[in-house]
Amino acid sequence: MSLRRTLAVLVCASALVLPASAFAAHSVGSREQVAWVRRAASNFVAAELAGNGAGACAILNAPLRAERHHRTCAQRWNAKLSKLLREPQGRARLRAQQRAIGSAVVIVHGYVASLDLPTPLDGKPTHPNHFLWTENCWMLEG
């Protein structure tokens, strides 16, 4: 059997074994855009793991950083992260999320991007992981 024929057989066999989603799941956007979105998400989770509310807020879109009920964004996130990191599996969930970012599918359309992770970055089940290109960087929006 020729090398070409052997490769063709292996490719066909792998197509039968692998799920269709393995071929369909790929990022959309330039390499730089995809890398920027992943980096923003990774920085956000790193700040969460460190219990750094100000660092998490630095990745949030401006409306999410606004003061609410006389509390700054950093104050709100410090309180939220303090509670999250005390939960029995809080850190483990964040670490799993951080590991998933590197291979997550990123879809970029103009100034909006999404990151396909099993859980939302901000911890709210109703919020998808959407980013907006603003302030010359990708910012997480709610």
C-alpha atoms as a PDB file:
ATOM      1  CA  MET A   1       0.000   0.000   0.000  1.00  0.00           C
ATOM      2  CA  SER A   2       1.400   3.420  -0.926  1.00  0.00           C
ATOM      3  CA  LEU A   3       2.014   6.117   1.650  1.00  0.00           C
ATOM      4  CA  ARG A   4      -0.708   8.283   0.107  1.00  0.00           C
ATOM      5  CA  ARG A   5      -3.253   5.479   0.305  1.00  0.00           C
ATOM      6  CA  THR A   6      -2.262   4.664   3.890  1.00  0.00           C
ATOM      7  CA  LEU A   7      -2.741   8.295   4.929  1.00  0.00           C
ATOM      8  CA  ALA A   8      -6.112   8.438   3.191  1.00  0.00           C
ATOM      9  CA  VAL A   9      -7.272   5.317   5.031  1.00  0.00           C
ATOM     10  CA  LEU A  10      -6.104   6.732   8.380  1.00  0.00           C
ATOM     11  CA  VAL A  11      -7.855  10.054   7.777  1.00  0.00           C
ATOM     12  CA  CYS A  12     -11.092   8.295   6.834  1.00  0.00           C
ATOM     13  CA  ALA A  13     -10.855   5.993   9.845  1.00  0.00           C
ATOM     14  CA  SER A  14     -10.296   8.917  12.205  1.00  0.00           C
ATOM     15  CA  ALA A  15     -13.316  10.698  10.707  1.00  0.00           C
ATOM     16  CA  LEU A  16     -15.421   7.703  11.661  1.00  0.00           C
ATOM     17  CA  VAL A  17     -14.052   7.560  15.202  1.00  0.00           C
ATOM     18  CA  LEU A  18     -13.974  11.262  16.111  1.00  0.00           C
ATOM     19  CA  PRO A  19     -17.237  13.098  16.767  1.00  0.00           C
ATOM     20  CA  ALA A  20     -18.331  15.646  14.186  1.00  0.00           C
ATOM     21  CA  SER A  21     -17.947  18.391  16.792  1.00  0.00           C
ATOM     22  CA  ALA A  22     -14.191  17.750  16.849  1.00  0.00           C
ATOM     23  CA  PHE A  23     -14.033  18.956  13.261  1.00  0.00           C
ATOM     24  CA  ALA A  24     -16.623  21.724  13.604  1.00  0.00           C
ATOM     25  CA  ALA A  25     -15.280  23.281  16.804  1.00  0.00           C
ATOM     26  CA  HIS A  26     -12.741  25.878  15.778  1.00  0.00           C
ATOM     27  CA  SER A  27     -12.130  29.501  16.582  1.00  0.00           C
ATOM     28  CA  VAL A  28     -13.151  32.308  14.240  1.00  0.00           C
ATOM     29  CA  GLY A  29     -11.088  35.483  13.994  1.00  0.00           C
ATOM     30  CA  SER A  30      -7.453  36.324  13.465  1.00  0.00           C
ATOM     31  CA  ARG A  31      -4.865  34.523  15.576  1.00  0.00           C
ATOM     32  CA  GLU A  32      -4.156  37.791  17.354  1.00  0.00           C
ATOM     33  CA  GLN A  33      -7.828  38.407  18.176  1.00  0.00           C
ATOM     34  CA  VAL A  34      -8.310  34.876  19.496  1.00  0.00           C
ATOM     35  CA  ALA A  35      -5.122  35.164  21.570  1.00  0.00           C
ATOM     36  CA  TRP A  36      -6.231  38.538  22.995  1.00  0.00           C
ATOM     37  CA  VAL A  37      -9.616  37.182  24.052  1.00  0.00           C
ATOM     38  CA  ARG A  38      -8.015  34.154  25.680  1.00  0.00           C
ATOM     39  CA  ARG A  39      -5.471  36.375  27.420  1.00  0.00           C
ATOM     40  CA  ALA A  40      -8.208  38.674  28.771  1.00  0.00           C
ATOM     41  CA  ALA A  41     -10.145  35.660  30.064  1.00  0.00           C
ATOM     42  CA  SER A  42      -7.006  34.163  31.581  1.00  0.00           C
ATOM     43  CA  ASN A  43      -6.125  37.461  33.287  1.00  0.00           C
ATOM     44  CA  PHE A  44      -9.661  37.660  34.664  1.00  0.00           C
ATOM     45  CA  VAL A  45      -9.510  34.154  36.147  1.00  0.00           C
ATOM     46  CA  ALA A  46      -5.978  34.764  37.488  1.00  0.00           C
ATOM     47  CA  ALA A  47      -7.279  37.850  39.307  1.00  0.00           C
ATOM     48  CA  GLU A  48     -10.175  35.802  40.692  1.00  0.00           C
ATOM     49  CA  LEU A  49      -7.806  33.097  41.936  1.00  0.00           C
ATOM     50  CA  ALA A  50      -5.689  35.757  43.615  1.00  0.00           C
ATOM     51  CA  GLY A  51      -8.764  37.281  45.271  1.00  0.00           C
ATOM     52  CA  ASN A  52      -7.922  40.522  43.462  1.00  0.00           C
ATOM     53  CA  GLY A  53     -11.170  42.419  42.878  1.00  0.00           C
ATOM     54  CA  ALA A  54      -9.393  45.385  41.291  1.00  0.00           C
ATOM     55  CA  GLY A  55      -7.623  43.053  38.852  1.00  0.00           C
ATOM     56  CA  ALA A  56     -10.910  41.417  37.890  1.00  0.00           C
ATOM     57  CA  CYS A  57     -12.521  44.826  37.408  1.00  0.00           C
ATOM     58  CA  ALA A  58      -9.685  45.860  35.092  1.00  0.00           C
ATOM     59  CA  ILE A  59     -10.984  43.296  32.566  1.00  0.00           C
ATOM     60  CA  LEU A  60     -14.642  44.350  32.872  1.00  0.00           C
ATOM     61  CA  ASN A  61     -16.327  46.676  30.395  1.00  0.00           C
ATOM     62  CA  ALA A  62     -16.770  50.247  31.740  1.00  0.00           C
ATOM     63  CA  PRO A  63     -20.494  49.969  32.654  1.00  0.00           C
ATOM     64  CA  LEU A  64     -19.689  46.955  34.844  1.00  0.00           C
ATOM     65  CA  ARG A  65     -16.963  48.904  36.648  1.00  0.00           C
ATOM     66  CA  ALA A  66     -19.370  51.656  37.729  1.00  0.00           C
ATOM     67  CA  GLU A  67     -20.018  52.313  41.395  1.00  0.00           C
ATOM     68  CA  ARG A  68     -23.241  50.711  42.655  1.00  0.00           C
ATOM     69  CA  HIS A  69     -24.945  51.278  45.984  1.00  0.00           C
ATOM     70  CA  HIS A  70     -21.924  53.313  47.141  1.00  0.00           C
ATOM     71  CA  ARG A  71     -19.574  50.374  46.479  1.00  0.00           C
ATOM     72  CA  THR A  72     -16.799  50.375  43.897  1.00  0.00           C
ATOM     73  CA  CYS A  73     -16.320  47.549  41.442  1.00  0.00           C
ATOM     74  CA  ALA A  74     -13.249  46.401  43.380  1.00  0.00           C
ATOM     75  CA  GLN A  75     -15.177  46.351  46.654  1.00  0.00           C
ATOM     76  CA  ARG A  76     -17.986  44.289  45.108  1.00  0.00           C
ATOM     77  CA  TRP A  77     -15.595  41.824  43.499  1.00  0.00           C
ATOM     78  CA  ASN A  78     -13.402  41.533  46.603  1.00  0.00           C
ATOM     79  CA  ALA A  79     -16.495  40.522  48.590  1.00  0.00           C
ATOM     80  CA  LYS A  80     -17.653  38.110  45.878  1.00  0.00           C
ATOM     81  CA  LEU A  81     -14.205  36.535  45.522  1.00  0.00           C
ATOM     82  CA  SER A  82     -13.750  36.219  49.270  1.00  0.00           C
ATOM     83  CA  LYS A  83     -16.959  34.197  49.412  1.00  0.00           C
ATOM     84  CA  LEU A  84     -16.133  32.170  46.275  1.00  0.00           C
ATOM     85  CA  LEU A  85     -12.642  31.239  47.433  1.00  0.00           C
ATOM     86  CA  ARG A  86     -13.994  30.030  50.801  1.00  0.00           C
ATOM     87  CA  GLU A  87     -16.341  27.580  49.055  1.00  0.00           C
ATOM     88  CA  PRO A  88     -15.084  23.964  49.181  1.00  0.00           C
ATOM     89  CA  GLN A  89     -14.571  23.691  45.410  1.00  0.00           C
ATOM     90  CA  GLY A  90     -14.251  27.399  44.549  1.00  0.00           C
ATOM     91  CA  ARG A  91     -10.536  27.385  43.704  1.00  0.00           C
ATOM     92  CA  ALA A  92     -10.775  24.046  41.920  1.00  0.00           C
ATOM     93  CA  ARG A  93     -13.546  25.376  39.659  1.00  0.00           C
ATOM     94  CA  LEU A  94     -11.503  28.459  38.811  1.00  0.00           C
ATOM     95  CA  ARG A  95      -8.405  26.371  38.063  1.00  0.00           C
ATOM     96  CA  ALA A  96     -10.444  24.081  35.794  1.00  0.00           C
ATOM     97  CA  GLN A  97     -11.823  27.126  34.044  1.00  0.00           C
ATOM     98  CA  GLN A  98      -8.313  28.543  33.617  1.00  0.00           C
ATOM     99  CA  ARG A  99      -7.131  25.276  32.046  1.00  0.00           C
ATOM    100  CA  ALA A 100     -10.106  25.269  29.658  1.00  0.00           C
ATOM    101  CA  ILE A 101      -9.417  28.782  28.337  1.00  0.00           C
ATOM    102  CA  GLY A 102      -6.432  27.700  26.231  1.00  0.00           C
ATOM    103  CA  SER A 103      -8.479  25.315  24.102  1.00  0.00           C
ATOM    104  CA  ALA A 104     -11.870  27.044  24.244  1.00  0.00           C
ATOM    105  CA  VAL A 105     -13.463  28.073  20.978  1.00  0.00           C
ATOM    106  CA  VAL A 106     -13.353  31.836  20.433  1.00  0.00           C
ATOM    107  CA  ILE A 107     -15.711  33.480  17.950  1.00  0.00           C
ATOM    108  CA  VAL A 108     -14.900  37.058  16.946  1.00  0.00           C
ATOM    109  CA  HIS A 109     -17.369  39.136  14.914  1.00  0.00           C
ATOM    110  CA  GLY A 110     -16.277  42.740  14.533  1.00  0.00           C
ATOM    111  CA  TYR A 111     -16.033  44.301  17.985  1.00  0.00           C
ATOM    112  CA  VAL A 112     -17.732  41.425  19.817  1.00  0.00           C
ATOM    113  CA  ALA A 113     -16.240  38.066  20.824  1.00  0.00           C
ATOM    114  CA  SER A 114     -17.473  35.016  22.689  1.00  0.00           C
ATOM    115  CA  LEU A 115     -15.509  32.353  24.513  1.00  0.00           C
ATOM    116  CA  ASP A 116     -17.055  28.896  24.768  1.00  0.00           C
ATOM    117  CA  LEU A 117     -16.395  27.705  28.310  1.00  0.00           C
ATOM    118  CA  PRO A 118     -18.438  25.214  30.339  1.00  0.00           C
ATOM    119  CA  THR A 119     -19.183  27.905  32.949  1.00  0.00           C
ATOM    120  CA  PRO A 120     -19.546  31.698  32.789  1.00  0.00           C
ATOM    121  CA  LEU A 121     -16.480  33.703  33.763  1.00  0.00           C
ATOM    122  CA  ASP A 122     -18.419  36.011  36.073  1.00  0.00           C
ATOM    123  CA  GLY A 123     -20.103  33.090  37.845  1.00  0.00           C
ATOM    124  CA  LYS A 124     -23.616  34.086  36.792  1.00  0.00           C
ATOM    125  CA  PRO A 125     -25.312  31.190  34.977  1.00  0.00           C
ATOM    126  CA  THR A 126     -27.369  33.518  32.788  1.00  0.00           C
ATOM    127  CA  HIS A 127     -24.348  35.446  31.486  1.00  0.00           C
ATOM    128  CA  PRO A 128     -22.512  34.107  28.460  1.00  0.00           C
ATOM    129  CA  ASN A 129     -18.793  34.819  28.109  1.00  0.00           C
ATOM    130  CA  HIS A 130     -18.972  37.853  25.817  1.00  0.00           C
ATOM    131  CA  PHE A 131     -16.180  40.319  25.247  1.00  0.00           C
ATOM    132  CA  LEU A 132     -16.303  43.747  23.654  1.00  0.00           C
ATOM    133  CA  TRP A 133     -13.354  45.438  21.929  1.00  0.00           C
ATOM    134  CA  THR A 134     -13.192  48.767  23.731  1.00  0.00           C
ATOM    135  CA  GLU A 135     -10.535  50.899  25.383  1.00  0.00           C
ATOM    136  CA  ASN A 136      -8.079  49.288  22.923  1.00  0.00           C
ATOM    137  CA  CYS A 137      -8.464  45.858  24.501  1.00  0.00           C
ATOM    138  CA  TRP A 138     -10.994  43.051  24.978  1.00  0.00           C
ATOM    139  CA  MET A 139     -13.251  43.677  27.970  1.00  0.00           C
ATOM    140  CA  LEU A 140     -15.660  41.176  29.529  1.00  0.00           C
ATOM    141  CA  GLU A 141     -19.256  42.366  29.335  1.00  0.00           C
ATOM    142  CA  GLY A 142     -22.303  41.197  31.209  1.00  0.00           C
END
